[in-house]
N, C-alpha and C. Protein backbone atom coordinates (compact mmCIF):
# COMPACT_ATOMS: atom_id res chain seq x y z
N UNK A 1 128.53 111.36 97.64
CA UNK A 1 128.59 109.92 97.79
C UNK A 1 127.27 109.44 98.44
N UNK A 2 126.79 108.31 97.94
CA UNK A 2 125.54 107.76 98.45
C UNK A 2 125.69 106.25 98.64
N UNK A 3 125.10 105.76 99.72
CA UNK A 3 125.13 104.33 99.99
C UNK A 3 124.18 103.61 99.03
N UNK A 4 124.59 102.42 98.58
CA UNK A 4 123.71 101.60 97.73
C UNK A 4 123.58 100.23 98.38
N UNK A 5 122.35 99.79 98.57
CA UNK A 5 122.06 98.51 99.22
C UNK A 5 121.22 97.62 98.32
N UNK A 6 121.44 96.32 98.43
CA UNK A 6 120.63 95.32 97.76
C UNK A 6 120.08 94.40 98.84
N UNK A 7 118.75 94.29 98.92
CA UNK A 7 118.10 93.46 99.94
C UNK A 7 118.58 93.80 101.34
N UNK A 8 118.85 95.08 101.59
CA UNK A 8 119.29 95.53 102.90
C UNK A 8 120.76 95.34 103.17
N UNK A 9 121.51 94.85 102.18
CA UNK A 9 122.95 94.63 102.33
C UNK A 9 123.69 95.74 101.59
N UNK A 10 124.47 96.53 102.32
CA UNK A 10 125.19 97.65 101.72
C UNK A 10 126.31 97.14 100.82
N UNK A 11 126.37 97.70 99.61
CA UNK A 11 127.45 97.37 98.68
C UNK A 11 128.53 98.45 98.70
N UNK A 12 128.28 99.54 99.42
CA UNK A 12 129.26 100.60 99.55
C UNK A 12 128.69 101.97 99.23
N UNK A 13 129.56 102.96 99.26
CA UNK A 13 129.19 104.33 98.93
C UNK A 13 129.74 104.66 97.55
N UNK A 14 128.89 105.28 96.72
CA UNK A 14 129.25 105.55 95.34
C UNK A 14 128.87 106.98 94.97
N UNK A 15 129.55 107.52 93.96
CA UNK A 15 129.25 108.85 93.46
C UNK A 15 127.86 108.84 92.85
N UNK A 16 127.04 109.81 93.27
CA UNK A 16 125.66 109.87 92.78
C UNK A 16 125.15 111.30 92.82
N UNK A 17 124.15 111.56 92.01
CA UNK A 17 123.41 112.81 92.09
C UNK A 17 122.20 112.52 92.95
N UNK A 18 121.93 113.40 93.92
CA UNK A 18 120.84 113.18 94.87
C UNK A 18 119.87 114.36 94.79
N UNK A 19 118.59 114.05 94.60
CA UNK A 19 117.55 115.07 94.52
C UNK A 19 117.39 115.73 95.90
N UNK A 20 117.39 117.07 95.91
CA UNK A 20 117.23 117.81 97.17
C UNK A 20 115.83 117.69 97.76
N UNK A 21 114.83 117.41 96.93
CA UNK A 21 113.45 117.33 97.41
C UNK A 21 113.08 115.94 97.90
N UNK A 22 113.35 114.92 97.07
CA UNK A 22 112.88 113.57 97.42
C UNK A 22 114.01 112.61 97.81
N UNK A 23 115.25 113.07 97.67
CA UNK A 23 116.44 112.28 98.02
C UNK A 23 116.64 111.04 97.15
N UNK A 24 116.00 110.99 95.97
CA UNK A 24 116.27 109.91 95.02
C UNK A 24 117.74 109.99 94.60
N UNK A 25 118.34 108.84 94.37
CA UNK A 25 119.74 108.77 93.97
C UNK A 25 119.83 108.34 92.51
N UNK A 26 120.69 109.00 91.76
CA UNK A 26 120.92 108.64 90.36
C UNK A 26 122.41 108.36 90.19
N UNK A 27 122.72 107.14 89.77
CA UNK A 27 124.10 106.71 89.58
C UNK A 27 124.41 106.71 88.09
N UNK A 28 125.62 107.14 87.73
CA UNK A 28 126.05 107.13 86.34
C UNK A 28 126.30 105.71 85.85
N UNK A 29 126.53 105.59 84.54
CA UNK A 29 126.71 104.27 83.93
C UNK A 29 127.92 103.53 84.49
N UNK A 30 129.05 104.22 84.63
CA UNK A 30 130.25 103.57 85.15
C UNK A 30 130.05 103.10 86.59
N UNK A 31 129.39 103.93 87.39
CA UNK A 31 129.12 103.57 88.78
C UNK A 31 128.15 102.39 88.82
N UNK A 32 127.14 102.40 87.97
CA UNK A 32 126.19 101.28 87.91
C UNK A 32 126.89 99.98 87.55
N UNK A 33 127.84 100.05 86.63
CA UNK A 33 128.62 98.85 86.28
C UNK A 33 129.42 98.35 87.47
N UNK A 34 129.99 99.29 88.25
CA UNK A 34 130.73 98.93 89.46
C UNK A 34 129.82 98.23 90.47
N UNK A 35 128.63 98.80 90.66
CA UNK A 35 127.66 98.23 91.60
C UNK A 35 127.27 96.82 91.15
N UNK A 36 127.01 96.63 89.86
CA UNK A 36 126.66 95.31 89.33
C UNK A 36 127.77 94.31 89.60
N UNK A 37 129.01 94.72 89.38
CA UNK A 37 130.17 93.84 89.59
C UNK A 37 130.26 93.39 91.05
N UNK A 38 130.07 94.32 91.96
CA UNK A 38 130.13 94.00 93.40
C UNK A 38 128.98 93.07 93.77
N UNK A 39 127.78 93.34 93.26
CA UNK A 39 126.62 92.48 93.55
C UNK A 39 126.86 91.06 93.05
N UNK A 40 127.48 90.92 91.88
CA UNK A 40 127.79 89.59 91.33
C UNK A 40 128.84 88.88 92.20
N UNK A 41 129.85 89.62 92.64
CA UNK A 41 130.90 89.03 93.48
C UNK A 41 130.33 88.53 94.80
N UNK A 42 129.32 89.19 95.31
CA UNK A 42 128.71 88.81 96.59
C UNK A 42 127.51 87.87 96.40
N UNK A 43 127.32 87.38 95.18
CA UNK A 43 126.23 86.46 94.85
C UNK A 43 124.84 87.05 95.12
N UNK A 44 124.71 88.36 94.98
CA UNK A 44 123.41 89.02 95.15
C UNK A 44 122.77 89.34 93.82
N UNK A 45 123.53 89.25 92.73
CA UNK A 45 123.04 89.57 91.39
C UNK A 45 122.03 88.51 90.95
N UNK A 46 120.83 88.91 90.58
CA UNK A 46 119.81 87.99 90.09
C UNK A 46 119.24 87.07 91.15
N UNK A 47 119.45 87.40 92.41
CA UNK A 47 119.00 86.54 93.49
C UNK A 47 117.48 86.34 93.46
N UNK A 48 116.74 87.38 93.08
CA UNK A 48 115.29 87.25 93.06
C UNK A 48 114.82 86.21 92.05
N UNK A 49 115.60 85.98 90.98
CA UNK A 49 115.23 84.98 89.98
C UNK A 49 115.47 83.55 90.48
N UNK A 50 116.36 83.40 91.47
CA UNK A 50 116.72 82.08 91.98
C UNK A 50 115.89 81.69 93.19
N UNK A 51 115.09 82.59 93.70
CA UNK A 51 114.36 82.32 94.93
C UNK A 51 112.86 82.37 94.70
N UNK A 52 112.18 81.59 95.49
CA UNK A 52 110.73 81.60 95.46
C UNK A 52 110.23 82.77 96.30
N UNK A 53 110.85 82.95 97.44
CA UNK A 53 110.49 84.03 98.34
C UNK A 53 111.76 84.69 98.83
N UNK A 54 111.76 86.02 98.86
CA UNK A 54 112.90 86.77 99.32
C UNK A 54 112.40 87.91 100.17
N UNK A 55 113.00 88.09 101.32
CA UNK A 55 112.58 89.18 102.17
C UNK A 55 113.56 89.40 103.30
N UNK A 56 113.16 90.28 104.20
CA UNK A 56 113.97 90.56 105.37
C UNK A 56 113.29 90.00 106.60
N UNK A 57 114.06 89.42 107.48
CA UNK A 57 113.58 88.94 108.77
C UNK A 57 114.36 89.74 109.81
N UNK A 58 113.74 90.76 110.35
CA UNK A 58 114.47 91.69 111.19
C UNK A 58 115.47 92.44 110.34
N UNK A 59 116.72 92.32 110.64
CA UNK A 59 117.77 92.98 109.86
C UNK A 59 118.51 91.98 108.98
N UNK A 60 118.03 90.75 108.88
CA UNK A 60 118.70 89.71 108.12
C UNK A 60 117.93 89.34 106.87
N UNK A 61 118.67 88.96 105.84
CA UNK A 61 118.07 88.53 104.58
C UNK A 61 117.52 87.12 104.75
N UNK A 62 116.31 86.90 104.25
CA UNK A 62 115.62 85.62 104.37
C UNK A 62 115.29 85.17 102.94
N UNK A 63 115.78 83.99 102.53
CA UNK A 63 115.50 83.50 101.18
C UNK A 63 115.18 82.02 101.19
N UNK A 64 114.18 81.62 100.37
CA UNK A 64 113.88 80.22 100.16
C UNK A 64 114.36 79.88 98.75
N UNK A 65 115.34 79.00 98.64
CA UNK A 65 115.91 78.62 97.36
C UNK A 65 115.08 77.51 96.74
N UNK A 66 114.78 77.65 95.44
CA UNK A 66 113.98 76.62 94.76
C UNK A 66 114.88 75.67 94.00
């Protein structure tokens, strides 16, 4: 199980293959669909397209809506 975050916001822990050398995470198609669904429910899906600037301010998400 591996944590998946969007803009520093955790969406949960999901089944993944993790590289022993670089720790990259690879999620299967069904898990990716689950992650997309959760991101959409939390209004994080496509957020970068709706914002002029997006970033972190300390541990908080900072966005300027256009």
